[in-house]
Amino acid sequence: MSDGNFNTKLLSPGGFASGVRAGEARMKQKSLTAFQITLSENSQLSENEIQELYLNFKSRLD
């Protein structure tokens, strides 16, 4: 049972902010992958159009 004192040894060594940044980076990568798959499944677009849309989407995520 806790005596009310906070034990800092229970915290992760990297801290909260680094975990948030890691989560954001992972979600960005997942969204880029999903968008790339969606674009490649659309047979009406050329490779150049797909690449242009992908780069446009990627720049908007930053």
N, C-alpha and C. Protein backbone atom coordinates (compact mmCIF):
# COMPACT_ATOMS: atom_id res chain seq x y z
N MET A 1 0.85 -1.17 0.00
CA MET A 1 0.00 0.00 0.00
C MET A 1 0.90 1.24 0.00
N SER A 2 0.48 2.22 -0.79
CA SER A 2 1.26 3.44 -0.92
C SER A 2 1.13 4.31 0.31
N ASP A 3 2.22 4.96 0.66
CA ASP A 3 2.18 5.88 1.81
C ASP A 3 1.96 7.33 1.35
N GLY A 4 1.67 7.52 0.05
CA GLY A 4 1.42 8.86 -0.46
C GLY A 4 2.63 9.49 -1.12
N ASN A 5 3.81 8.91 -0.94
CA ASN A 5 4.99 9.43 -1.60
C ASN A 5 5.10 8.82 -2.99
N PHE A 6 5.46 9.65 -3.96
CA PHE A 6 5.55 9.17 -5.33
C PHE A 6 6.95 8.59 -5.57
N ASN A 7 6.98 7.40 -6.06
CA ASN A 7 8.25 6.73 -6.35
C ASN A 7 8.63 7.01 -7.81
N THR A 8 9.67 7.82 -8.03
CA THR A 8 10.07 8.17 -9.38
C THR A 8 10.70 7.00 -10.12
N LYS A 9 11.05 5.94 -9.45
CA LYS A 9 11.62 4.77 -10.12
C LYS A 9 10.57 4.01 -10.91
N LEU A 10 9.30 4.33 -10.70
CA LEU A 10 8.24 3.69 -11.46
C LEU A 10 8.06 4.31 -12.84
N LEU A 11 8.64 5.48 -13.09
CA LEU A 11 8.53 6.15 -14.37
C LEU A 11 9.46 5.51 -15.39
N SER A 12 9.07 5.56 -16.66
CA SER A 12 9.94 5.07 -17.71
C SER A 12 11.14 6.00 -17.86
N PRO A 13 12.29 5.49 -18.27
CA PRO A 13 13.48 6.34 -18.35
C PRO A 13 13.40 7.41 -19.43
N GLY A 14 12.61 7.19 -20.48
CA GLY A 14 12.55 8.15 -21.57
C GLY A 14 11.63 9.32 -21.32
N GLY A 15 10.74 9.20 -20.43
CA GLY A 15 9.82 10.28 -20.16
C GLY A 15 8.58 10.21 -21.03
N PHE A 16 7.62 11.02 -20.68
CA PHE A 16 6.33 11.03 -21.37
C PHE A 16 6.43 11.61 -22.78
N ALA A 17 7.15 12.69 -22.94
CA ALA A 17 7.20 13.39 -24.23
C ALA A 17 7.79 12.51 -25.32
N SER A 18 8.80 11.73 -25.01
CA SER A 18 9.40 10.88 -26.04
C SER A 18 8.42 9.79 -26.47
N GLY A 19 7.59 9.33 -25.56
CA GLY A 19 6.58 8.34 -25.92
C GLY A 19 5.51 8.93 -26.83
N VAL A 20 5.16 10.17 -26.59
CA VAL A 20 4.19 10.86 -27.44
C VAL A 20 4.77 11.03 -28.84
N ARG A 21 6.03 11.47 -28.91
CA ARG A 21 6.66 11.64 -30.22
C ARG A 21 6.77 10.32 -30.97
N ALA A 22 7.08 9.25 -30.28
CA ALA A 22 7.17 7.94 -30.91
C ALA A 22 5.81 7.50 -31.44
N GLY A 23 4.77 7.75 -30.68
CA GLY A 23 3.42 7.41 -31.12
C GLY A 23 2.99 8.22 -32.33
N GLU A 24 3.32 9.49 -32.34
CA GLU A 24 3.00 10.34 -33.48
C GLU A 24 3.73 9.87 -34.74
N ALA A 25 4.99 9.52 -34.59
CA ALA A 25 5.77 9.06 -35.74
C ALA A 25 5.21 7.75 -36.28
N ARG A 26 4.80 6.86 -35.39
CA ARG A 26 4.22 5.59 -35.82
C ARG A 26 2.90 5.79 -36.55
N MET A 27 2.06 6.68 -36.05
CA MET A 27 0.78 6.94 -36.71
C MET A 27 0.98 7.62 -38.06
N LYS A 28 1.99 8.48 -38.16
CA LYS A 28 2.29 9.11 -39.45
C LYS A 28 2.71 8.05 -40.46
N GLN A 29 3.56 7.12 -40.03
CA GLN A 29 4.01 6.06 -40.93
C GLN A 29 2.84 5.17 -41.36
N LYS A 30 1.94 4.85 -40.43
CA LYS A 30 0.78 4.03 -40.77
C LYS A 30 -0.13 4.74 -41.77
N SER A 31 -0.32 6.05 -41.59
CA SER A 31 -1.18 6.78 -42.51
C SER A 31 -0.55 6.87 -43.90
N LEU A 32 0.76 7.06 -43.97
CA LEU A 32 1.44 7.10 -45.26
C LEU A 32 1.34 5.76 -45.98
N THR A 33 1.50 4.68 -45.24
CA THR A 33 1.39 3.34 -45.83
C THR A 33 -0.02 3.09 -46.34
N ALA A 34 -1.02 3.44 -45.55
CA ALA A 34 -2.41 3.24 -45.96
C ALA A 34 -2.74 4.09 -47.19
N PHE A 35 -2.25 5.31 -47.22
CA PHE A 35 -2.52 6.18 -48.37
C PHE A 35 -1.82 5.64 -49.62
N GLN A 36 -0.61 5.14 -49.47
CA GLN A 36 0.12 4.57 -50.61
C GLN A 36 -0.61 3.36 -51.17
N ILE A 37 -1.13 2.51 -50.32
CA ILE A 37 -1.88 1.33 -50.76
C ILE A 37 -3.16 1.76 -51.48
N THR A 38 -3.85 2.75 -50.92
CA THR A 38 -5.08 3.24 -51.53
C THR A 38 -4.80 3.81 -52.92
N LEU A 39 -3.73 4.57 -53.04
CA LEU A 39 -3.39 5.13 -54.35
C LEU A 39 -3.01 4.05 -55.35
N SER A 40 -2.27 3.06 -54.92
CA SER A 40 -1.82 2.02 -55.85
C SER A 40 -2.98 1.13 -56.31
N GLU A 41 -4.05 1.04 -55.51
CA GLU A 41 -5.21 0.25 -55.91
C GLU A 41 -6.07 0.97 -56.94
N ASN A 42 -5.87 2.25 -57.10
CA ASN A 42 -6.63 3.03 -58.08
C ASN A 42 -5.92 2.91 -59.42
N SER A 43 -6.48 2.13 -60.33
CA SER A 43 -5.81 1.86 -61.60
C SER A 43 -5.94 3.00 -62.61
N GLN A 44 -6.68 4.04 -62.28
CA GLN A 44 -6.87 5.15 -63.21
C GLN A 44 -5.73 6.16 -63.16
N LEU A 45 -4.85 6.05 -62.21
CA LEU A 45 -3.77 7.02 -62.04
C LEU A 45 -2.46 6.47 -62.57
N SER A 46 -1.65 7.36 -63.16
CA SER A 46 -0.32 6.97 -63.60
C SER A 46 0.63 6.96 -62.41
N GLU A 47 1.80 6.39 -62.59
CA GLU A 47 2.80 6.35 -61.52
C GLU A 47 3.23 7.75 -61.10
N ASN A 48 3.34 8.65 -62.07
CA ASN A 48 3.73 10.03 -61.75
C ASN A 48 2.65 10.72 -60.92
N GLU A 49 1.38 10.49 -61.26
CA GLU A 49 0.29 11.09 -60.49
C GLU A 49 0.23 10.54 -59.08
N ILE A 50 0.46 9.23 -58.95
CA ILE A 50 0.48 8.61 -57.63
C ILE A 50 1.59 9.20 -56.78
N GLN A 51 2.78 9.33 -57.35
CA GLN A 51 3.92 9.88 -56.61
C GLN A 51 3.65 11.33 -56.21
N GLU A 52 3.05 12.10 -57.11
CA GLU A 52 2.75 13.51 -56.81
C GLU A 52 1.73 13.62 -55.68
N LEU A 53 0.68 12.81 -55.71
CA LEU A 53 -0.33 12.82 -54.65
C LEU A 53 0.26 12.37 -53.32
N TYR A 54 1.11 11.35 -53.37
CA TYR A 54 1.75 10.84 -52.15
C TYR A 54 2.62 11.90 -51.50
N LEU A 55 3.44 12.57 -52.29
CA LEU A 55 4.32 13.61 -51.75
C LEU A 55 3.52 14.80 -51.23
N ASN A 56 2.41 15.12 -51.89
CA ASN A 56 1.54 16.21 -51.42
C ASN A 56 0.93 15.84 -50.07
N PHE A 57 0.44 14.62 -49.96
CA PHE A 57 -0.14 14.14 -48.69
C PHE A 57 0.90 14.14 -47.58
N LYS A 58 2.10 13.65 -47.90
CA LYS A 58 3.17 13.58 -46.91
C LYS A 58 3.56 14.97 -46.41
N SER A 59 3.61 15.93 -47.29
CA SER A 59 3.97 17.29 -46.88
C SER A 59 2.91 17.91 -45.98
N ARG A 60 1.67 17.53 -46.15
CA ARG A 60 0.59 18.06 -45.32
C ARG A 60 0.60 17.47 -43.92
N LEU A 61 1.22 16.31 -43.74
CA LEU A 61 1.30 15.69 -42.42
C LEU A 61 2.32 16.37 -41.52
N ASP A 62 3.28 17.02 -42.10
CA ASP A 62 4.34 17.66 -41.31
C ASP A 62 3.93 18.94 -40.68
